Amino acid sequence: MITKALIQALNPNLKQPDVTAAKLQHAADQYGINTTLRLAHWLAQLTAESGLVPQEENLNYSAKRLCQVWPSRFPSLQAAQSCAMNPQALGNTVYGGRMGNTQPGDGFKYRGRGFIQLTGRSNYTRYSQLTGFDLVNDPDLLLQIGVSAQTAAAFWQDHHINAMADRNDLQAVTRAINGGLIGLPSRQAYLQKIMALLH
C-alpha cells in the first residue's frame, strides 16, 4: 500500500522515494501496521514529525529562543547564554539526568533522531532491544531510512497506537507520538490527504 507515488505526494523533494516506500512498507508489515487507517495515521505522524526524512534534533538556538522554548529552564537571557548556539551544552542541560540519561554527555548523545525523534538513553536502549539495532552505541543509525522506519514502527507497536488508529482518534495518536498536540492541524491535513490517496 505504501508506494513511491504516495511517498512523492507527501514529500516531492525526497531523493529516493522508492527506497523510502519500500523500507516503510517492510516496517509496517513487521509491526502490524496493516490496515488503511493504521497506515494513514502512521504516515501522517511520520510526515508531520520529519517530512519522511530521518532527522536529527536541531539544538542550535539563540538565547532569546531558548527563553521562549524552555522558559522554566531559561528564565532570562543571562541564564540562556551558556547554551545559546551551543547544541552540546543545550542537549546536556535540557536532557541530562532524565529519560535514562545518567552519564556525562548523554543528553546531547541521545538527542532526538529518526522519523519520530526518539530521545533519551532509556528509549535508545528499549528500541535497541526491540529492533536489534545497536542504537545505544551508534545513535546515528537512526538517520538511516530503514533503521528509522523499523524504530518508528516498533515504537508504534510498543505504545499500542494501532488501537488508537483503529478508533480514528487523531488526538490520542498525536499525544502518543508527540507527548502533546503540537502541530495537530498539519497532522490532520496529512491524515486526510493520505486517506484520499490510499482509497
N, C-alpha and C. Protein backbone atom coordinates (compact mmCIF):
# COMPACT_ATOMS: atom_id res chain seq x y z
N MET A 1 0.82 -1.21 0.00
CA MET A 1 0.00 0.00 0.00
C MET A 1 0.86 1.27 0.00
N ILE A 2 2.08 1.18 0.57
CA ILE A 2 2.96 2.35 0.56
C ILE A 2 3.76 2.33 -0.74
N THR A 3 3.40 3.20 -1.65
CA THR A 3 4.02 3.22 -2.98
C THR A 3 4.93 4.44 -3.12
N LYS A 4 5.77 4.38 -4.12
CA LYS A 4 6.63 5.52 -4.46
C LYS A 4 5.78 6.76 -4.71
N ALA A 5 4.65 6.60 -5.42
CA ALA A 5 3.78 7.73 -5.74
C ALA A 5 3.20 8.35 -4.47
N LEU A 6 2.82 7.51 -3.51
CA LEU A 6 2.28 8.02 -2.24
C LEU A 6 3.33 8.83 -1.49
N ILE A 7 4.53 8.29 -1.43
CA ILE A 7 5.63 8.99 -0.73
C ILE A 7 5.94 10.31 -1.43
N GLN A 8 5.97 10.30 -2.75
CA GLN A 8 6.24 11.54 -3.50
C GLN A 8 5.15 12.58 -3.27
N ALA A 9 3.91 12.13 -3.11
CA ALA A 9 2.81 13.06 -2.86
C ALA A 9 2.96 13.73 -1.49
N LEU A 10 3.58 13.01 -0.54
CA LEU A 10 3.75 13.55 0.81
C LEU A 10 5.00 14.43 0.92
N ASN A 11 6.04 14.09 0.16
CA ASN A 11 7.25 14.91 0.14
C ASN A 11 7.88 14.82 -1.25
N PRO A 12 7.54 15.76 -2.13
CA PRO A 12 8.03 15.73 -3.52
C PRO A 12 9.55 15.89 -3.63
N ASN A 13 10.20 16.34 -2.57
CA ASN A 13 11.64 16.60 -2.62
C ASN A 13 12.51 15.43 -2.18
N LEU A 14 11.89 14.30 -1.80
CA LEU A 14 12.69 13.16 -1.36
C LEU A 14 13.57 12.66 -2.49
N LYS A 15 14.83 12.33 -2.16
CA LYS A 15 15.77 11.89 -3.18
C LYS A 15 15.52 10.45 -3.64
N GLN A 16 15.08 9.58 -2.73
CA GLN A 16 14.85 8.18 -3.08
C GLN A 16 13.48 7.72 -2.59
N PRO A 17 12.40 8.23 -3.19
CA PRO A 17 11.06 7.87 -2.70
C PRO A 17 10.76 6.38 -2.79
N ASP A 18 11.36 5.69 -3.77
CA ASP A 18 11.14 4.25 -3.90
C ASP A 18 11.76 3.50 -2.73
N VAL A 19 12.95 3.92 -2.29
CA VAL A 19 13.61 3.28 -1.15
C VAL A 19 12.82 3.56 0.13
N THR A 20 12.41 4.81 0.31
CA THR A 20 11.63 5.17 1.50
C THR A 20 10.34 4.36 1.55
N ALA A 21 9.65 4.25 0.42
CA ALA A 21 8.40 3.48 0.37
C ALA A 21 8.63 2.02 0.75
N ALA A 22 9.67 1.42 0.20
CA ALA A 22 9.96 0.01 0.48
C ALA A 22 10.31 -0.23 1.94
N LYS A 23 11.13 0.66 2.51
CA LYS A 23 11.55 0.50 3.90
C LYS A 23 10.37 0.70 4.86
N LEU A 24 9.54 1.70 4.56
CA LEU A 24 8.36 1.94 5.41
C LEU A 24 7.37 0.77 5.31
N GLN A 25 7.17 0.25 4.10
CA GLN A 25 6.24 -0.88 3.93
C GLN A 25 6.75 -2.10 4.69
N HIS A 26 8.04 -2.36 4.60
CA HIS A 26 8.63 -3.51 5.30
C HIS A 26 8.42 -3.37 6.82
N ALA A 27 8.67 -2.19 7.35
CA ALA A 27 8.50 -1.96 8.78
C ALA A 27 7.03 -2.08 9.19
N ALA A 28 6.15 -1.52 8.38
CA ALA A 28 4.71 -1.60 8.67
C ALA A 28 4.24 -3.05 8.70
N ASP A 29 4.70 -3.84 7.74
CA ASP A 29 4.34 -5.27 7.69
C ASP A 29 4.81 -6.00 8.94
N GLN A 30 6.02 -5.67 9.38
CA GLN A 30 6.62 -6.37 10.52
C GLN A 30 5.90 -6.07 11.83
N TYR A 31 5.33 -4.87 11.95
CA TYR A 31 4.78 -4.44 13.23
C TYR A 31 3.26 -4.26 13.22
N GLY A 32 2.59 -4.90 12.27
CA GLY A 32 1.13 -4.94 12.30
C GLY A 32 0.44 -3.63 11.94
N ILE A 33 1.13 -2.76 11.23
CA ILE A 33 0.50 -1.52 10.76
C ILE A 33 -0.04 -1.86 9.37
N ASN A 34 -1.19 -2.54 9.37
CA ASN A 34 -1.59 -3.30 8.19
C ASN A 34 -3.01 -3.06 7.71
N THR A 35 -3.60 -1.94 8.13
CA THR A 35 -4.90 -1.56 7.56
C THR A 35 -4.75 -0.14 7.01
N THR A 36 -5.71 0.26 6.19
CA THR A 36 -5.65 1.60 5.60
C THR A 36 -5.59 2.66 6.69
N LEU A 37 -6.44 2.52 7.72
CA LEU A 37 -6.50 3.52 8.79
C LEU A 37 -5.19 3.56 9.59
N ARG A 38 -4.64 2.41 9.91
CA ARG A 38 -3.37 2.36 10.65
C ARG A 38 -2.24 3.00 9.85
N LEU A 39 -2.14 2.62 8.57
CA LEU A 39 -1.09 3.18 7.72
C LEU A 39 -1.24 4.68 7.56
N ALA A 40 -2.47 5.12 7.39
CA ALA A 40 -2.71 6.56 7.19
C ALA A 40 -2.29 7.34 8.43
N HIS A 41 -2.66 6.86 9.61
CA HIS A 41 -2.27 7.55 10.84
C HIS A 41 -0.75 7.52 11.03
N TRP A 42 -0.14 6.36 10.77
CA TRP A 42 1.31 6.23 10.94
C TRP A 42 2.06 7.19 10.02
N LEU A 43 1.69 7.16 8.74
CA LEU A 43 2.37 8.03 7.76
C LEU A 43 2.10 9.50 8.03
N ALA A 44 0.91 9.84 8.49
CA ALA A 44 0.59 11.24 8.81
C ALA A 44 1.50 11.74 9.93
N GLN A 45 1.71 10.91 10.94
CA GLN A 45 2.57 11.30 12.06
C GLN A 45 4.03 11.43 11.61
N LEU A 46 4.50 10.45 10.85
CA LEU A 46 5.90 10.49 10.41
C LEU A 46 6.15 11.68 9.49
N THR A 47 5.18 11.99 8.64
CA THR A 47 5.34 13.13 7.74
C THR A 47 5.36 14.43 8.53
N ALA A 48 4.46 14.55 9.50
CA ALA A 48 4.41 15.77 10.32
C ALA A 48 5.68 15.93 11.15
N GLU A 49 6.20 14.82 11.66
CA GLU A 49 7.38 14.89 12.53
C GLU A 49 8.66 15.16 11.75
N SER A 50 8.78 14.58 10.56
CA SER A 50 10.10 14.60 9.89
C SER A 50 10.06 14.82 8.38
N GLY A 51 8.88 14.93 7.79
CA GLY A 51 8.82 15.04 6.33
C GLY A 51 9.29 13.76 5.64
N LEU A 52 9.26 12.64 6.38
CA LEU A 52 9.70 11.33 5.88
C LEU A 52 11.20 11.29 5.59
N VAL A 53 11.94 12.15 6.25
CA VAL A 53 13.40 12.15 6.18
C VAL A 53 13.90 11.99 7.62
N PRO A 54 14.64 10.92 7.93
CA PRO A 54 15.15 10.79 9.30
C PRO A 54 15.94 12.04 9.70
N GLN A 55 15.52 12.66 10.78
CA GLN A 55 16.09 13.94 11.21
C GLN A 55 16.89 13.78 12.49
N GLU A 56 17.73 14.77 12.72
CA GLU A 56 18.46 14.90 13.98
C GLU A 56 17.98 16.20 14.61
N GLU A 57 17.66 16.16 15.88
CA GLU A 57 17.14 17.35 16.57
C GLU A 57 18.13 18.51 16.46
N ASN A 58 17.62 19.65 16.03
CA ASN A 58 18.45 20.85 15.92
C ASN A 58 18.45 21.56 17.28
N LEU A 59 19.58 21.57 17.93
CA LEU A 59 19.69 22.21 19.25
C LEU A 59 20.47 23.52 19.18
N ASN A 60 20.45 24.16 18.02
CA ASN A 60 21.19 25.41 17.82
C ASN A 60 20.22 26.58 17.98
N TYR A 61 20.09 27.11 19.18
CA TYR A 61 19.12 28.16 19.48
C TYR A 61 19.82 29.42 19.96
N SER A 62 19.24 30.56 19.63
CA SER A 62 19.70 31.82 20.22
C SER A 62 19.23 31.88 21.67
N ALA A 63 19.83 32.77 22.46
CA ALA A 63 19.42 32.93 23.86
C ALA A 63 17.94 33.32 23.94
N LYS A 64 17.51 34.21 23.07
CA LYS A 64 16.12 34.65 23.07
C LYS A 64 15.17 33.47 22.83
N ARG A 65 15.53 32.64 21.85
CA ARG A 65 14.67 31.49 21.51
C ARG A 65 14.66 30.46 22.65
N LEU A 66 15.78 30.29 23.31
CA LEU A 66 15.83 29.36 24.45
C LEU A 66 14.84 29.77 25.53
N CYS A 67 14.75 31.06 25.78
CA CYS A 67 13.82 31.57 26.80
C CYS A 67 12.37 31.31 26.40
N GLN A 68 12.10 31.27 25.09
CA GLN A 68 10.74 31.00 24.60
C GLN A 68 10.41 29.51 24.65
N VAL A 69 11.38 28.67 24.25
CA VAL A 69 11.13 27.23 24.16
C VAL A 69 11.16 26.56 25.53
N TRP A 70 12.12 26.95 26.37
CA TRP A 70 12.26 26.35 27.70
C TRP A 70 12.24 27.45 28.78
N PRO A 71 11.11 28.12 28.96
CA PRO A 71 11.08 29.25 29.90
C PRO A 71 11.41 28.88 31.35
N SER A 72 11.08 27.66 31.75
CA SER A 72 11.37 27.27 33.13
C SER A 72 12.87 27.01 33.34
N ARG A 73 13.54 26.57 32.30
CA ARG A 73 14.98 26.32 32.40
C ARG A 73 15.81 27.57 32.14
N PHE A 74 15.27 28.44 31.29
CA PHE A 74 16.00 29.66 30.94
C PHE A 74 15.09 30.87 31.16
N PRO A 75 14.96 31.29 32.43
CA PRO A 75 14.03 32.39 32.74
C PRO A 75 14.52 33.77 32.28
N SER A 76 15.79 33.88 31.90
CA SER A 76 16.33 35.17 31.46
C SER A 76 17.36 34.94 30.36
N LEU A 77 17.64 36.00 29.61
CA LEU A 77 18.67 35.92 28.57
C LEU A 77 20.02 35.55 29.17
N GLN A 78 20.28 36.07 30.36
CA GLN A 78 21.55 35.76 31.03
C GLN A 78 21.65 34.26 31.34
N ALA A 79 20.55 33.69 31.79
CA ALA A 79 20.54 32.26 32.12
C ALA A 79 20.76 31.40 30.87
N ALA A 80 20.34 31.92 29.73
CA ALA A 80 20.42 31.15 28.48
C ALA A 80 21.77 31.26 27.78
N GLN A 81 22.59 32.21 28.19
CA GLN A 81 23.84 32.48 27.45
C GLN A 81 24.74 31.26 27.29
N SER A 82 24.89 30.46 28.33
CA SER A 82 25.84 29.34 28.27
C SER A 82 25.42 28.26 27.26
N CYS A 83 24.11 28.22 26.94
CA CYS A 83 23.63 27.22 25.99
C CYS A 83 23.30 27.80 24.62
N ALA A 84 23.33 29.11 24.49
CA ALA A 84 22.97 29.75 23.22
C ALA A 84 23.97 29.36 22.13
N MET A 85 23.43 28.90 21.00
CA MET A 85 24.24 28.49 19.84
C MET A 85 25.29 27.44 20.22
N ASN A 86 24.96 26.62 21.21
CA ASN A 86 25.87 25.57 21.69
C ASN A 86 25.07 24.28 21.87
N PRO A 87 24.85 23.54 20.76
CA PRO A 87 23.99 22.35 20.81
C PRO A 87 24.39 21.34 21.88
N GLN A 88 25.69 21.11 22.06
CA GLN A 88 26.14 20.13 23.03
C GLN A 88 25.76 20.54 24.45
N ALA A 89 26.04 21.79 24.79
CA ALA A 89 25.69 22.28 26.12
C ALA A 89 24.18 22.24 26.34
N LEU A 90 23.41 22.61 25.31
CA LEU A 90 21.96 22.62 25.43
C LEU A 90 21.40 21.22 25.64
N GLY A 91 21.85 20.27 24.82
CA GLY A 91 21.38 18.90 24.96
C GLY A 91 21.65 18.35 26.35
N ASN A 92 22.86 18.59 26.85
CA ASN A 92 23.22 18.08 28.17
C ASN A 92 22.45 18.80 29.28
N THR A 93 22.12 20.06 29.06
CA THR A 93 21.38 20.83 30.08
C THR A 93 19.91 20.41 30.13
N VAL A 94 19.26 20.33 28.97
CA VAL A 94 17.82 20.07 28.99
C VAL A 94 17.47 18.58 29.09
N TYR A 95 18.37 17.69 28.67
CA TYR A 95 18.07 16.26 28.71
C TYR A 95 18.90 15.49 29.74
N GLY A 96 19.94 16.11 30.27
CA GLY A 96 20.79 15.41 31.23
C GLY A 96 20.04 15.08 32.50
N GLY A 97 20.32 13.88 33.05
CA GLY A 97 19.72 13.48 34.32
C GLY A 97 18.27 13.05 34.23
N ARG A 98 17.75 12.87 33.03
CA ARG A 98 16.38 12.35 32.87
C ARG A 98 16.30 11.48 31.62
N MET A 99 15.21 10.78 31.45
CA MET A 99 15.00 9.88 30.31
C MET A 99 16.11 8.83 30.20
N GLY A 100 16.65 8.44 31.34
CA GLY A 100 17.69 7.42 31.35
C GLY A 100 19.08 7.96 31.07
N ASN A 101 19.20 9.27 30.89
CA ASN A 101 20.50 9.89 30.64
C ASN A 101 21.23 10.05 31.98
N THR A 102 22.21 9.18 32.21
CA THR A 102 22.90 9.16 33.51
C THR A 102 24.37 9.53 33.41
N GLN A 103 24.95 9.36 32.23
CA GLN A 103 26.38 9.62 32.06
C GLN A 103 26.61 11.04 31.55
N PRO A 104 27.77 11.64 31.85
CA PRO A 104 28.09 12.95 31.27
C PRO A 104 28.03 12.87 29.74
N GLY A 105 27.34 13.82 29.13
CA GLY A 105 27.24 13.84 27.67
C GLY A 105 26.05 13.10 27.11
N ASP A 106 25.32 12.34 27.95
CA ASP A 106 24.18 11.57 27.44
C ASP A 106 23.09 12.45 26.84
N GLY A 107 22.86 13.62 27.44
CA GLY A 107 21.78 14.48 26.96
C GLY A 107 21.95 14.83 25.49
N PHE A 108 23.17 15.18 25.11
CA PHE A 108 23.44 15.51 23.72
C PHE A 108 23.52 14.25 22.87
N LYS A 109 24.17 13.22 23.39
CA LYS A 109 24.35 11.98 22.62
C LYS A 109 23.01 11.36 22.24
N TYR A 110 22.05 11.41 23.16
CA TYR A 110 20.75 10.77 22.91
C TYR A 110 19.65 11.80 22.64
N ARG A 111 20.03 12.87 21.91
CA ARG A 111 19.04 13.87 21.48
C ARG A 111 18.11 13.21 20.46
N GLY A 112 17.06 13.92 20.11
CA GLY A 112 16.06 13.37 19.19
C GLY A 112 16.62 13.04 17.82
N ARG A 113 16.28 11.85 17.34
CA ARG A 113 16.69 11.42 16.00
C ARG A 113 15.61 10.53 15.39
N GLY A 114 15.65 10.44 14.06
CA GLY A 114 14.80 9.49 13.35
C GLY A 114 13.55 10.13 12.77
N PHE A 115 12.63 9.28 12.34
CA PHE A 115 11.36 9.75 11.80
C PHE A 115 10.50 10.37 12.90
N ILE A 116 10.65 9.87 14.16
CA ILE A 116 9.80 10.36 15.24
C ILE A 116 10.59 10.98 16.39
N GLN A 117 11.85 11.29 16.19
CA GLN A 117 12.65 11.96 17.21
C GLN A 117 12.71 11.17 18.52
N LEU A 118 13.24 9.96 18.43
CA LEU A 118 13.49 9.16 19.62
C LEU A 118 14.50 9.92 20.49
N THR A 119 14.21 10.06 21.78
CA THR A 119 15.05 10.89 22.67
C THR A 119 15.31 10.16 23.99
N GLY A 120 16.55 10.25 24.48
CA GLY A 120 16.90 9.72 25.80
C GLY A 120 17.49 8.32 25.75
N ARG A 121 18.49 8.08 26.61
CA ARG A 121 19.16 6.78 26.66
C ARG A 121 18.17 5.63 26.90
N SER A 122 17.15 5.86 27.75
CA SER A 122 16.21 4.77 28.03
C SER A 122 15.46 4.36 26.77
N ASN A 123 15.07 5.32 25.93
CA ASN A 123 14.40 4.98 24.66
C ASN A 123 15.37 4.32 23.69
N TYR A 124 16.59 4.83 23.61
CA TYR A 124 17.58 4.22 22.71
C TYR A 124 17.85 2.77 23.13
N THR A 125 17.88 2.53 24.44
CA THR A 125 18.10 1.17 24.96
C THR A 125 16.91 0.27 24.64
N ARG A 126 15.71 0.77 24.90
CA ARG A 126 14.49 -0.01 24.67
C ARG A 126 14.37 -0.42 23.19
N TYR A 127 14.60 0.54 22.29
CA TYR A 127 14.39 0.23 20.87
C TYR A 127 15.58 -0.47 20.24
N SER A 128 16.73 -0.46 20.92
CA SER A 128 17.83 -1.36 20.53
C SER A 128 17.39 -2.80 20.77
N GLN A 129 16.77 -3.03 21.93
CA GLN A 129 16.33 -4.38 22.29
C GLN A 129 15.22 -4.86 21.35
N LEU A 130 14.28 -3.97 21.02
CA LEU A 130 13.14 -4.38 20.20
C LEU A 130 13.48 -4.56 18.73
N THR A 131 14.45 -3.79 18.23
CA THR A 131 14.74 -3.86 16.79
C THR A 131 16.01 -4.65 16.46
N GLY A 132 16.91 -4.81 17.43
CA GLY A 132 18.17 -5.48 17.17
C GLY A 132 19.26 -4.55 16.64
N PHE A 133 18.96 -3.28 16.47
CA PHE A 133 19.98 -2.30 16.06
C PHE A 133 20.64 -1.73 17.30
N ASP A 134 21.95 -1.55 17.27
CA ASP A 134 22.67 -1.04 18.44
C ASP A 134 22.63 0.49 18.48
N LEU A 135 21.47 1.00 18.84
CA LEU A 135 21.26 2.45 18.88
C LEU A 135 21.99 3.10 20.04
N VAL A 136 22.28 2.34 21.09
CA VAL A 136 22.96 2.89 22.26
C VAL A 136 24.39 3.28 21.90
N ASN A 137 25.11 2.38 21.23
CA ASN A 137 26.50 2.66 20.87
C ASN A 137 26.65 3.42 19.57
N ASP A 138 25.61 3.39 18.72
CA ASP A 138 25.66 4.11 17.45
C ASP A 138 24.33 4.82 17.20
N PRO A 139 24.07 5.90 17.96
CA PRO A 139 22.78 6.59 17.84
C PRO A 139 22.48 7.09 16.43
N ASP A 140 23.52 7.39 15.65
CA ASP A 140 23.30 7.91 14.30
C ASP A 140 22.73 6.87 13.34
N LEU A 141 22.64 5.61 13.76
CA LEU A 141 21.93 4.62 12.94
C LEU A 141 20.51 5.10 12.63
N LEU A 142 19.94 5.88 13.56
CA LEU A 142 18.57 6.37 13.39
C LEU A 142 18.44 7.36 12.23
N LEU A 143 19.55 7.77 11.65
CA LEU A 143 19.49 8.67 10.50
C LEU A 143 19.41 7.88 9.19
N GLN A 144 19.43 6.53 9.29
CA GLN A 144 19.24 5.67 8.12
C GLN A 144 17.74 5.38 7.96
N ILE A 145 17.27 5.40 6.72
CA ILE A 145 15.84 5.23 6.45
C ILE A 145 15.30 3.92 7.03
N GLY A 146 15.98 2.81 6.76
CA GLY A 146 15.48 1.51 7.21
C GLY A 146 15.44 1.39 8.72
N VAL A 147 16.50 1.83 9.38
CA VAL A 147 16.56 1.76 10.85
C VAL A 147 15.49 2.67 11.46
N SER A 148 15.37 3.85 10.90
CA SER A 148 14.39 4.81 11.41
C SER A 148 12.96 4.28 11.22
N ALA A 149 12.70 3.65 10.08
CA ALA A 149 11.37 3.08 9.82
C ALA A 149 11.06 1.95 10.81
N GLN A 150 12.03 1.06 11.01
CA GLN A 150 11.83 -0.06 11.95
C GLN A 150 11.59 0.47 13.37
N THR A 151 12.36 1.47 13.77
CA THR A 151 12.23 2.01 15.12
C THR A 151 10.90 2.71 15.30
N ALA A 152 10.47 3.47 14.30
CA ALA A 152 9.18 4.16 14.37
C ALA A 152 8.03 3.15 14.46
N ALA A 153 8.14 2.06 13.72
CA ALA A 153 7.09 1.03 13.76
C ALA A 153 7.12 0.28 15.10
N ALA A 154 8.32 0.01 15.62
CA ALA A 154 8.43 -0.65 16.93
C ALA A 154 7.86 0.24 18.03
N PHE A 155 8.14 1.54 17.96
CA PHE A 155 7.59 2.50 18.92
C PHE A 155 6.07 2.49 18.85
N TRP A 156 5.53 2.47 17.64
CA TRP A 156 4.08 2.46 17.40
C TRP A 156 3.45 1.23 18.06
N GLN A 157 4.05 0.07 17.81
CA GLN A 157 3.51 -1.17 18.39
C GLN A 157 3.66 -1.18 19.91
N ASP A 158 4.82 -0.74 20.39
CA ASP A 158 5.12 -0.74 21.81
C ASP A 158 4.16 0.16 22.61
N HIS A 159 3.67 1.20 21.97
CA HIS A 159 2.75 2.13 22.63
C HIS A 159 1.28 1.86 22.27
N HIS A 160 1.03 0.71 21.64
CA HIS A 160 -0.34 0.26 21.33
C HIS A 160 -1.12 1.31 20.52
N ILE A 161 -0.42 1.93 19.57
CA ILE A 161 -1.06 3.03 18.83
C ILE A 161 -2.01 2.51 17.76
N ASN A 162 -1.86 1.25 17.34
CA ASN A 162 -2.82 0.70 16.37
C ASN A 162 -4.25 0.81 16.89
N ALA A 163 -4.44 0.56 18.19
CA ALA A 163 -5.79 0.62 18.77
C ALA A 163 -6.36 2.03 18.67
N MET A 164 -5.51 3.04 18.85
CA MET A 164 -5.95 4.44 18.72
C MET A 164 -6.27 4.76 17.27
N ALA A 165 -5.43 4.27 16.36
CA ALA A 165 -5.67 4.49 14.93
C ALA A 165 -6.96 3.79 14.49
N ASP A 166 -7.19 2.59 15.03
CA ASP A 166 -8.41 1.85 14.68
C ASP A 166 -9.67 2.63 15.06
N ARG A 167 -9.57 3.43 16.14
CA ARG A 167 -10.70 4.28 16.57
C ARG A 167 -10.70 5.61 15.80
N ASN A 168 -9.69 5.80 14.96
CA ASN A 168 -9.51 7.05 14.21
C ASN A 168 -9.41 8.24 15.18
N ASP A 169 -8.67 8.03 16.28
CA ASP A 169 -8.52 9.05 17.33
C ASP A 169 -7.19 9.79 17.13
N LEU A 170 -7.23 10.81 16.30
CA LEU A 170 -6.02 11.53 15.94
C LEU A 170 -5.35 12.18 17.15
N GLN A 171 -6.14 12.69 18.07
CA GLN A 171 -5.55 13.35 19.24
C GLN A 171 -4.79 12.34 20.10
N ALA A 172 -5.35 11.17 20.31
CA ALA A 172 -4.67 10.14 21.11
C ALA A 172 -3.39 9.68 20.41
N VAL A 173 -3.46 9.49 19.10
CA VAL A 173 -2.29 9.07 18.33
C VAL A 173 -1.19 10.14 18.44
N THR A 174 -1.58 11.40 18.28
CA THR A 174 -0.62 12.51 18.33
C THR A 174 0.03 12.60 19.71
N ARG A 175 -0.75 12.46 20.78
CA ARG A 175 -0.19 12.51 22.14
C ARG A 175 0.81 11.37 22.35
N ALA A 176 0.50 10.19 21.81
CA ALA A 176 1.39 9.04 21.98
C ALA A 176 2.73 9.27 21.28
N ILE A 177 2.70 9.94 20.15
CA ILE A 177 3.92 10.19 19.37
C ILE A 177 4.67 11.41 19.90
N ASN A 178 3.92 12.46 20.20
CA ASN A 178 4.49 13.80 20.40
C ASN A 178 4.50 14.24 21.86
N GLY A 179 3.72 13.57 22.70
CA GLY A 179 3.63 13.97 24.10
C GLY A 179 2.64 15.09 24.33
N GLY A 180 2.13 15.68 23.26
CA GLY A 180 1.15 16.76 23.33
C GLY A 180 0.40 16.81 22.01
N LEU A 181 -0.13 17.98 21.69
CA LEU A 181 -0.90 18.13 20.45
C LEU A 181 -0.24 19.14 19.50
N ILE A 182 1.09 19.24 19.60
CA ILE A 182 1.82 20.17 18.74
C ILE A 182 1.63 19.78 17.28
N GLY A 183 1.29 20.76 16.45
CA GLY A 183 1.14 20.50 15.02
C GLY A 183 -0.08 19.70 14.63
N LEU A 184 -1.11 19.70 15.48
CA LEU A 184 -2.30 18.89 15.20
C LEU A 184 -2.95 19.22 13.84
N PRO A 185 -3.08 20.51 13.47
CA PRO A 185 -3.71 20.79 12.17
C PRO A 185 -2.95 20.17 10.98
N SER A 186 -1.61 20.19 11.03
CA SER A 186 -0.87 19.61 9.91
C SER A 186 -1.02 18.08 9.92
N ARG A 187 -1.07 17.49 11.09
CA ARG A 187 -1.27 16.03 11.19
C ARG A 187 -2.64 15.66 10.62
N GLN A 188 -3.65 16.47 10.93
CA GLN A 188 -5.00 16.26 10.41
C GLN A 188 -5.00 16.37 8.88
N ALA A 189 -4.32 17.37 8.37
CA ALA A 189 -4.27 17.58 6.92
C ALA A 189 -3.57 16.40 6.22
N TYR A 190 -2.46 15.94 6.79
CA TYR A 190 -1.76 14.79 6.21
C TYR A 190 -2.64 13.54 6.26
N LEU A 191 -3.33 13.36 7.37
CA LEU A 191 -4.20 12.18 7.51
C LEU A 191 -5.26 12.17 6.42
N GLN A 192 -5.91 13.31 6.22
CA GLN A 192 -6.96 13.39 5.19
C GLN A 192 -6.37 13.14 3.79
N LYS A 193 -5.22 13.72 3.54
CA LYS A 193 -4.58 13.54 2.23
C LYS A 193 -4.22 12.07 1.98
N ILE A 194 -3.64 11.44 3.00
CA ILE A 194 -3.24 10.03 2.85
C ILE A 194 -4.44 9.12 2.68
N MET A 195 -5.50 9.38 3.46
CA MET A 195 -6.72 8.56 3.32
C MET A 195 -7.26 8.66 1.90
N ALA A 196 -7.25 9.87 1.35
CA ALA A 196 -7.74 10.04 -0.03
C ALA A 196 -6.84 9.29 -1.01
N LEU A 197 -5.53 9.38 -0.81
CA LEU A 197 -4.59 8.71 -1.72
C LEU A 197 -4.66 7.18 -1.61
N LEU A 198 -4.92 6.68 -0.42
CA LEU A 198 -4.97 5.22 -0.22
C LEU A 198 -6.28 4.61 -0.74
N HIS A 199 -7.30 5.45 -0.91
CA HIS A 199 -8.55 4.92 -1.44
C HIS A 199 -8.52 5.03 -2.95
